[in-house]
Amino acid sequence: MAMTLAREAGLEAWQAGRLSDDAFAHNLSRIWAGLPADASNQSYYEGVAGNRATADWTQVTTALESARAWS
């Protein structure tokens, strides 16, 4: 299920280099409320039903950079 959601966020375009890490991270934040939407470190859904980002933007983009190296 997570892979299906990642594909909907642009996984293939990101892997092919047609989508930046920042854009892909933002797309993922629209799916997983615990991810920040941008460098403000706030969730796309900040404050909605208690949602908040539980990771920071640097963590997310660094993880994406590392994942890209493995793909």
PDB file of N, CA and C in Angstrom:
ATOM      1  N   MET A   1       0.815  -1.176   0.000  1.00  0.00           N
ATOM      2  CA  MET A   1       0.000   0.000   0.000  1.00  0.00           C
ATOM      3  C   MET A   1       0.871   1.256   0.000  1.00  0.00           C
ATOM      4  N   ALA A   2       1.949   1.238   0.762  1.00  0.00           N
ATOM      5  CA  ALA A   2       2.826   2.406   0.802  1.00  0.00           C
ATOM      6  C   ALA A   2       3.429   2.681  -0.570  1.00  0.00           C
ATOM      7  N   MET A   3       3.796   1.637  -1.294  1.00  0.00           N
ATOM      8  CA  MET A   3       4.366   1.832  -2.627  1.00  0.00           C
ATOM      9  C   MET A   3       3.331   2.429  -3.574  1.00  0.00           C
ATOM     10  N   THR A   4       2.104   2.008  -3.469  1.00  0.00           N
ATOM     11  CA  THR A   4       1.046   2.575  -4.306  1.00  0.00           C
ATOM     12  C   THR A   4       0.899   4.064  -4.017  1.00  0.00           C
ATOM     13  N   LEU A   5       0.906   4.429  -2.753  1.00  0.00           N
ATOM     14  CA  LEU A   5       0.795   5.836  -2.385  1.00  0.00           C
ATOM     15  C   LEU A   5       2.021   6.624  -2.852  1.00  0.00           C
ATOM     16  N   ALA A   6       3.207   6.038  -2.729  1.00  0.00           N
ATOM     17  CA  ALA A   6       4.426   6.717  -3.199  1.00  0.00           C
ATOM     18  C   ALA A   6       4.366   6.916  -4.715  1.00  0.00           C
ATOM     19  N   ARG A   7       3.860   5.930  -5.429  1.00  0.00           N
ATOM     20  CA  ARG A   7       3.715   6.090  -6.886  1.00  0.00           C
ATOM     21  C   ARG A   7       2.765   7.239  -7.205  1.00  0.00           C
ATOM     22  N   GLU A   8       1.684   7.331  -6.451  1.00  0.00           N
ATOM     23  CA  GLU A   8       0.731   8.422  -6.666  1.00  0.00           C
ATOM     24  C   GLU A   8       1.365   9.784  -6.385  1.00  0.00           C
ATOM     25  N   ALA A   9       2.374   9.809  -5.526  1.00  0.00           N
ATOM     26  CA  ALA A   9       3.077  11.054  -5.199  1.00  0.00           C
ATOM     27  C   ALA A   9       4.160  11.390  -6.214  1.00  0.00           C
ATOM     28  N   GLY A  10       4.400  10.485  -7.173  1.00  0.00           N
ATOM     29  CA  GLY A  10       5.380  10.764  -8.214  1.00  0.00           C
ATOM     30  C   GLY A  10       6.671   9.975  -8.115  1.00  0.00           C
ATOM     31  N   LEU A  11       6.634   8.829  -7.495  1.00  0.00           N
ATOM     32  CA  LEU A  11       7.830   8.014  -7.296  1.00  0.00           C
ATOM     33  C   LEU A  11       8.619   7.784  -8.579  1.00  0.00           C
ATOM     34  N   GLU A  12       7.950   7.365  -9.642  1.00  0.00           N
ATOM     35  CA  GLU A  12       8.665   7.064 -10.887  1.00  0.00           C
ATOM     36  C   GLU A  12       9.327   8.311 -11.472  1.00  0.00           C
ATOM     37  N   ALA A  13       8.616   9.433 -11.444  1.00  0.00           N
ATOM     38  CA  ALA A  13       9.196  10.688 -11.949  1.00  0.00           C
ATOM     39  C   ALA A  13      10.392  11.101 -11.100  1.00  0.00           C
ATOM     40  N   TRP A  14      10.288  10.921  -9.795  1.00  0.00           N
ATOM     41  CA  TRP A  14      11.396  11.260  -8.902  1.00  0.00           C
ATOM     42  C   TRP A  14      12.599  10.352  -9.182  1.00  0.00           C
ATOM     43  N   GLN A  15      12.356   9.054  -9.318  1.00  0.00           N
ATOM     44  CA  GLN A  15      13.450   8.117  -9.598  1.00  0.00           C
ATOM     45  C   GLN A  15      14.130   8.432 -10.929  1.00  0.00           C
ATOM     46  N   ALA A  16      13.363   8.907 -11.894  1.00  0.00           N
ATOM     47  CA  ALA A  16      13.904   9.218 -13.218  1.00  0.00           C
ATOM     48  C   ALA A  16      14.556  10.603 -13.262  1.00  0.00           C
ATOM     49  N   GLY A  17      14.468  11.346 -12.166  1.00  0.00           N
ATOM     50  CA  GLY A  17      15.075  12.674 -12.125  1.00  0.00           C
ATOM     51  C   GLY A  17      14.205  13.779 -12.699  1.00  0.00           C
ATOM     52  N   ARG A  18      12.944  13.473 -12.977  1.00  0.00           N
ATOM     53  CA  ARG A  18      12.031  14.477 -13.519  1.00  0.00           C
ATOM     54  C   ARG A  18      11.286  15.244 -12.426  1.00  0.00           C
ATOM     55  N   LEU A  19      11.461  14.811 -11.181  1.00  0.00           N
ATOM     56  CA  LEU A  19      10.813  15.447 -10.038  1.00  0.00           C
ATOM     57  C   LEU A  19      11.889  15.632  -8.972  1.00  0.00           C
ATOM     58  N   SER A  20      12.023  16.845  -8.480  1.00  0.00           N
ATOM     59  CA  SER A  20      13.062  17.133  -7.488  1.00  0.00           C
ATOM     60  C   SER A  20      12.747  16.467  -6.147  1.00  0.00           C
ATOM     61  N   ASP A  21      13.774  16.368  -5.313  1.00  0.00           N
ATOM     62  CA  ASP A  21      13.570  15.839  -3.963  1.00  0.00           C
ATOM     63  C   ASP A  21      12.550  16.691  -3.208  1.00  0.00           C
ATOM     64  N   ASP A  22      12.670  18.009  -3.332  1.00  0.00           N
ATOM     65  CA  ASP A  22      11.741  18.911  -2.632  1.00  0.00           C
ATOM     66  C   ASP A  22      10.300  18.704  -3.086  1.00  0.00           C
ATOM     67  N   ALA A  23      10.091  18.599  -4.383  1.00  0.00           N
ATOM     68  CA  ALA A  23       8.734  18.415  -4.905  1.00  0.00           C
ATOM     69  C   ALA A  23       8.171  17.065  -4.490  1.00  0.00           C
ATOM     70  N   PHE A  24       8.994  16.020  -4.546  1.00  0.00           N
ATOM     71  CA  PHE A  24       8.533  14.697  -4.143  1.00  0.00           C
ATOM     72  C   PHE A  24       8.222  14.683  -2.650  1.00  0.00           C
ATOM     73  N   ALA A  25       9.081  15.296  -1.839  1.00  0.00           N
ATOM     74  CA  ALA A  25       8.833  15.362  -0.399  1.00  0.00           C
ATOM     75  C   ALA A  25       7.518  16.087  -0.115  1.00  0.00           C
ATOM     76  N   HIS A  26       7.275  17.180  -0.832  1.00  0.00           N
ATOM     77  CA  HIS A  26       6.007  17.907  -0.647  1.00  0.00           C
ATOM     78  C   HIS A  26       4.822  17.013  -1.013  1.00  0.00           C
ATOM     79  N   ASN A  27       4.929  16.304  -2.131  1.00  0.00           N
ATOM     80  CA  ASN A  27       3.852  15.400  -2.537  1.00  0.00           C
ATOM     81  C   ASN A  27       3.609  14.328  -1.480  1.00  0.00           C
ATOM     82  N   LEU A  28       4.686  13.788  -0.927  1.00  0.00           N
ATOM     83  CA  LEU A  28       4.547  12.764   0.116  1.00  0.00           C
ATOM     84  C   LEU A  28       3.863  13.338   1.356  1.00  0.00           C
ATOM     85  N   SER A  29       4.129  14.606   1.650  1.00  0.00           N
ATOM     86  CA  SER A  29       3.519  15.230   2.834  1.00  0.00           C
ATOM     87  C   SER A  29       2.007  15.343   2.702  1.00  0.00           C
ATOM     88  N   ARG A  30       1.526  15.343   1.483  1.00  0.00           N
ATOM     89  CA  ARG A  30       0.074  15.411   1.272  1.00  0.00           C
ATOM     90  C   ARG A  30      -0.575  14.055   1.535  1.00  0.00           C
ATOM     91  N   ILE A  31       0.251  13.001   1.580  1.00  0.00           N
ATOM     92  CA  ILE A  31      -0.239  11.651   1.863  1.00  0.00           C
ATOM     93  C   ILE A  31      -0.033  11.298   3.331  1.00  0.00           C
ATOM     94  N   TRP A  32       1.167  11.570   3.838  1.00  0.00           N
ATOM     95  CA  TRP A  32       1.510  11.232   5.222  1.00  0.00           C
ATOM     96  C   TRP A  32       1.633  12.511   6.036  1.00  0.00           C
ATOM     97  N   ALA A  33       0.682  12.728   6.936  1.00  0.00           N
ATOM     98  CA  ALA A  33       0.619  13.955   7.721  1.00  0.00           C
ATOM     99  C   ALA A  33       1.821  14.142   8.632  1.00  0.00           C
ATOM    100  N   GLY A  34       2.557  13.098   8.931  1.00  0.00           N
ATOM    101  CA  GLY A  34       3.725  13.203   9.793  1.00  0.00           C
ATOM    102  C   GLY A  34       4.949  13.781   9.106  1.00  0.00           C
ATOM    103  N   LEU A  35       4.867  13.986   7.789  1.00  0.00           N
ATOM    104  CA  LEU A  35       5.982  14.571   7.051  1.00  0.00           C
ATOM    105  C   LEU A  35       5.752  16.064   6.871  1.00  0.00           C
ATOM    106  N   PRO A  36       6.827  16.852   6.930  1.00  0.00           N
ATOM    107  CA  PRO A  36       6.667  18.294   6.726  1.00  0.00           C
ATOM    108  C   PRO A  36       6.412  18.604   5.255  1.00  0.00           C
ATOM    109  N   ALA A  37       5.662  19.654   5.008  1.00  0.00           N
ATOM    110  CA  ALA A  37       5.336  20.054   3.637  1.00  0.00           C
ATOM    111  C   ALA A  37       6.465  20.834   2.979  1.00  0.00           C
ATOM    112  N   ASP A  38       7.311  21.452   3.814  1.00  0.00           N
ATOM    113  CA  ASP A  38       8.406  22.284   3.297  1.00  0.00           C
ATOM    114  C   ASP A  38       9.358  22.597   4.447  1.00  0.00           C
ATOM    115  N   ALA A  39      10.274  23.511   4.205  1.00  0.00           N
ATOM    116  CA  ALA A  39      11.296  23.839   5.197  1.00  0.00           C
ATOM    117  C   ALA A  39      10.741  24.505   6.454  1.00  0.00           C
ATOM    118  N   SER A  40       9.477  24.849   6.463  1.00  0.00           N
ATOM    119  CA  SER A  40       8.854  25.387   7.686  1.00  0.00           C
ATOM    120  C   SER A  40       8.705  24.304   8.750  1.00  0.00           C
ATOM    121  N   ASN A  41       8.850  23.053   8.334  1.00  0.00           N
ATOM    122  CA  ASN A  41       8.717  21.878   9.201  1.00  0.00           C
ATOM    123  C   ASN A  41       7.302  21.673   9.710  1.00  0.00           C
ATOM    124  N   GLN A  42       6.335  22.270   9.045  1.00  0.00           N
ATOM    125  CA  GLN A  42       4.942  22.044   9.415  1.00  0.00           C
ATOM    126  C   GLN A  42       4.314  21.044   8.461  1.00  0.00           C
ATOM    127  N   SER A  43       3.459  20.212   9.000  1.00  0.00           N
ATOM    128  CA  SER A  43       2.723  19.242   8.206  1.00  0.00           C
ATOM    129  C   SER A  43       1.808  19.962   7.217  1.00  0.00           C
ATOM    130  N   TYR A  44       1.559  19.337   6.092  1.00  0.00           N
ATOM    131  CA  TYR A  44       0.573  19.853   5.146  1.00  0.00           C
ATOM    132  C   TYR A  44      -0.779  19.981   5.858  1.00  0.00           C
ATOM    133  N   TYR A  45      -1.000  19.093   6.827  1.00  0.00           N
ATOM    134  CA  TYR A  45      -2.257  19.047   7.577  1.00  0.00           C
ATOM    135  C   TYR A  45      -2.085  19.576   9.003  1.00  0.00           C
ATOM    136  N   GLU A  46      -1.129  20.466   9.212  1.00  0.00           N
ATOM    137  CA  GLU A  46      -0.823  21.005  10.541  1.00  0.00           C
ATOM    138  C   GLU A  46      -2.091  21.476  11.246  1.00  0.00           C
ATOM    139  N   GLY A  47      -2.324  20.931  12.443  1.00  0.00           N
ATOM    140  CA  GLY A  47      -3.452  21.348  13.263  1.00  0.00           C
ATOM    141  C   GLY A  47      -4.785  20.710  12.930  1.00  0.00           C
ATOM    142  N   VAL A  48      -4.868  19.985  11.842  1.00  0.00           N
ATOM    143  CA  VAL A  48      -6.121  19.317  11.483  1.00  0.00           C
ATOM    144  C   VAL A  48      -6.164  17.993  12.241  1.00  0.00           C
ATOM    145  N   ALA A  49      -7.142  17.849  13.099  1.00  0.00           N
ATOM    146  CA  ALA A  49      -7.310  16.631  13.898  1.00  0.00           C
ATOM    147  C   ALA A  49      -6.032  16.276  14.654  1.00  0.00           C
ATOM    148  N   GLY A  50      -5.303  17.299  15.089  1.00  0.00           N
ATOM    149  CA  GLY A  50      -4.094  17.080  15.867  1.00  0.00           C
ATOM    150  C   GLY A  50      -2.862  16.702  15.060  1.00  0.00           C
ATOM    151  N   ASN A  51      -2.943  16.762  13.741  1.00  0.00           N
ATOM    152  CA  ASN A  51      -1.789  16.394  12.917  1.00  0.00           C
ATOM    153  C   ASN A  51      -0.659  17.388  13.070  1.00  0.00           C
ATOM    154  N   ARG A  52       0.564  16.854  12.977  1.00  0.00           N
ATOM    155  CA  ARG A  52       1.767  17.668  12.992  1.00  0.00           C
ATOM    156  C   ARG A  52       2.892  16.842  12.391  1.00  0.00           C
ATOM    157  N   ALA A  53       3.887  17.513  11.874  1.00  0.00           N
ATOM    158  CA  ALA A  53       5.052  16.817  11.328  1.00  0.00           C
ATOM    159  C   ALA A  53       5.865  16.230  12.474  1.00  0.00           C
ATOM    160  N   THR A  54       6.307  14.996  12.307  1.00  0.00           N
ATOM    161  CA  THR A  54       7.118  14.338  13.328  1.00  0.00           C
ATOM    162  C   THR A  54       8.560  14.152  12.851  1.00  0.00           C
ATOM    163  N   ALA A  55       8.845  14.613  11.666  1.00  0.00           N
ATOM    164  CA  ALA A  55      10.208  14.628  11.116  1.00  0.00           C
ATOM    165  C   ALA A  55      10.447  16.049  10.632  1.00  0.00           C
ATOM    166  N   ASP A  56      11.705  16.411  10.445  1.00  0.00           N
ATOM    167  CA  ASP A  56      11.933  17.738   9.894  1.00  0.00           C
ATOM    168  C   ASP A  56      12.348  17.637   8.425  1.00  0.00           C
ATOM    169  N   TRP A  57      12.255  18.767   7.741  1.00  0.00           N
ATOM    170  CA  TRP A  57      12.483  18.834   6.297  1.00  0.00           C
ATOM    171  C   TRP A  57      13.854  18.293   5.915  1.00  0.00           C
ATOM    172  N   THR A  58      14.865  18.638   6.700  1.00  0.00           N
ATOM    173  CA  THR A  58      16.218  18.169   6.402  1.00  0.00           C
ATOM    174  C   THR A  58      16.308  16.651   6.497  1.00  0.00           C
ATOM    175  N   GLN A  59      15.663  16.066   7.484  1.00  0.00           N
ATOM    176  CA  GLN A  59      15.653  14.611   7.606  1.00  0.00           C
ATOM    177  C   GLN A  59      15.021  13.971   6.372  1.00  0.00           C
ATOM    178  N   VAL A  60      13.914  14.516   5.938  1.00  0.00           N
ATOM    179  CA  VAL A  60      13.191  13.948   4.799  1.00  0.00           C
ATOM    180  C   VAL A  60      14.011  14.081   3.520  1.00  0.00           C
ATOM    181  N   THR A  61      14.524  15.262   3.243  1.00  0.00           N
ATOM    182  CA  THR A  61      15.264  15.446   1.995  1.00  0.00           C
ATOM    183  C   THR A  61      16.586  14.680   2.007  1.00  0.00           C
ATOM    184  N   THR A  62      17.219  14.564   3.164  1.00  0.00           N
ATOM    185  CA  THR A  62      18.445  13.767   3.262  1.00  0.00           C
ATOM    186  C   THR A  62      18.142  12.293   3.013  1.00  0.00           C
ATOM    187  N   ALA A  63      17.034  11.816   3.555  1.00  0.00           N
ATOM    188  CA  ALA A  63      16.637  10.426   3.321  1.00  0.00           C
ATOM    189  C   ALA A  63      16.337  10.188   1.843  1.00  0.00           C
ATOM    190  N   LEU A  64      15.702  11.154   1.183  1.00  0.00           N
ATOM    191  CA  LEU A  64      15.418  11.009  -0.242  1.00  0.00           C
ATOM    192  C   LEU A  64      16.705  10.999  -1.061  1.00  0.00           C
ATOM    193  N   GLU A  65      17.651  11.853  -0.712  1.00  0.00           N
ATOM    194  CA  GLU A  65      18.944  11.858  -1.406  1.00  0.00           C
ATOM    195  C   GLU A  65      19.621  10.499  -1.272  1.00  0.00           C
ATOM    196  N   SER A  66      19.600   9.922  -0.064  1.00  0.00           N
ATOM    197  CA  SER A  66      20.199   8.601   0.148  1.00  0.00           C
ATOM    198  C   SER A  66      19.453   7.525  -0.627  1.00  0.00           C
ATOM    199  N   ALA A  67      18.139   7.599  -0.620  1.00  0.00           N
ATOM    200  CA  ALA A  67      17.339   6.602  -1.351  1.00  0.00           C
ATOM    201  C   ALA A  67      17.592   6.684  -2.838  1.00  0.00           C
ATOM    202  N   ARG A  68      17.764   7.884  -3.364  1.00  0.00           N
ATOM    203  CA  ARG A  68      18.018   8.048  -4.792  1.00  0.00           C
ATOM    204  C   ARG A  68      19.335   7.353  -5.164  1.00  0.00           C
ATOM    205  N   ALA A  69      20.310   7.420  -4.300  1.00  0.00           N
ATOM    206  CA  ALA A  69      21.602   6.785  -4.544  1.00  0.00           C
ATOM    207  C   ALA A  69      21.453   5.270  -4.642  1.00  0.00           C
ATOM    208  N   TRP A  70      20.465   4.720  -3.976  1.00  0.00           N
ATOM    209  CA  TRP A  70      20.238   3.265  -4.004  1.00  0.00           C
ATOM    210  C   TRP A  70      19.338   2.840  -5.159  1.00  0.00           C
ATOM    211  N   SER A  71      18.643   3.785  -5.779  1.00  0.00           N
ATOM    212  CA  SER A  71      17.696   3.379  -6.852  1.00  0.00           C
ATOM    213  C   SER A  71      18.350   3.348  -8.206  1.00  0.00           C
TER     214      SER A  71
END
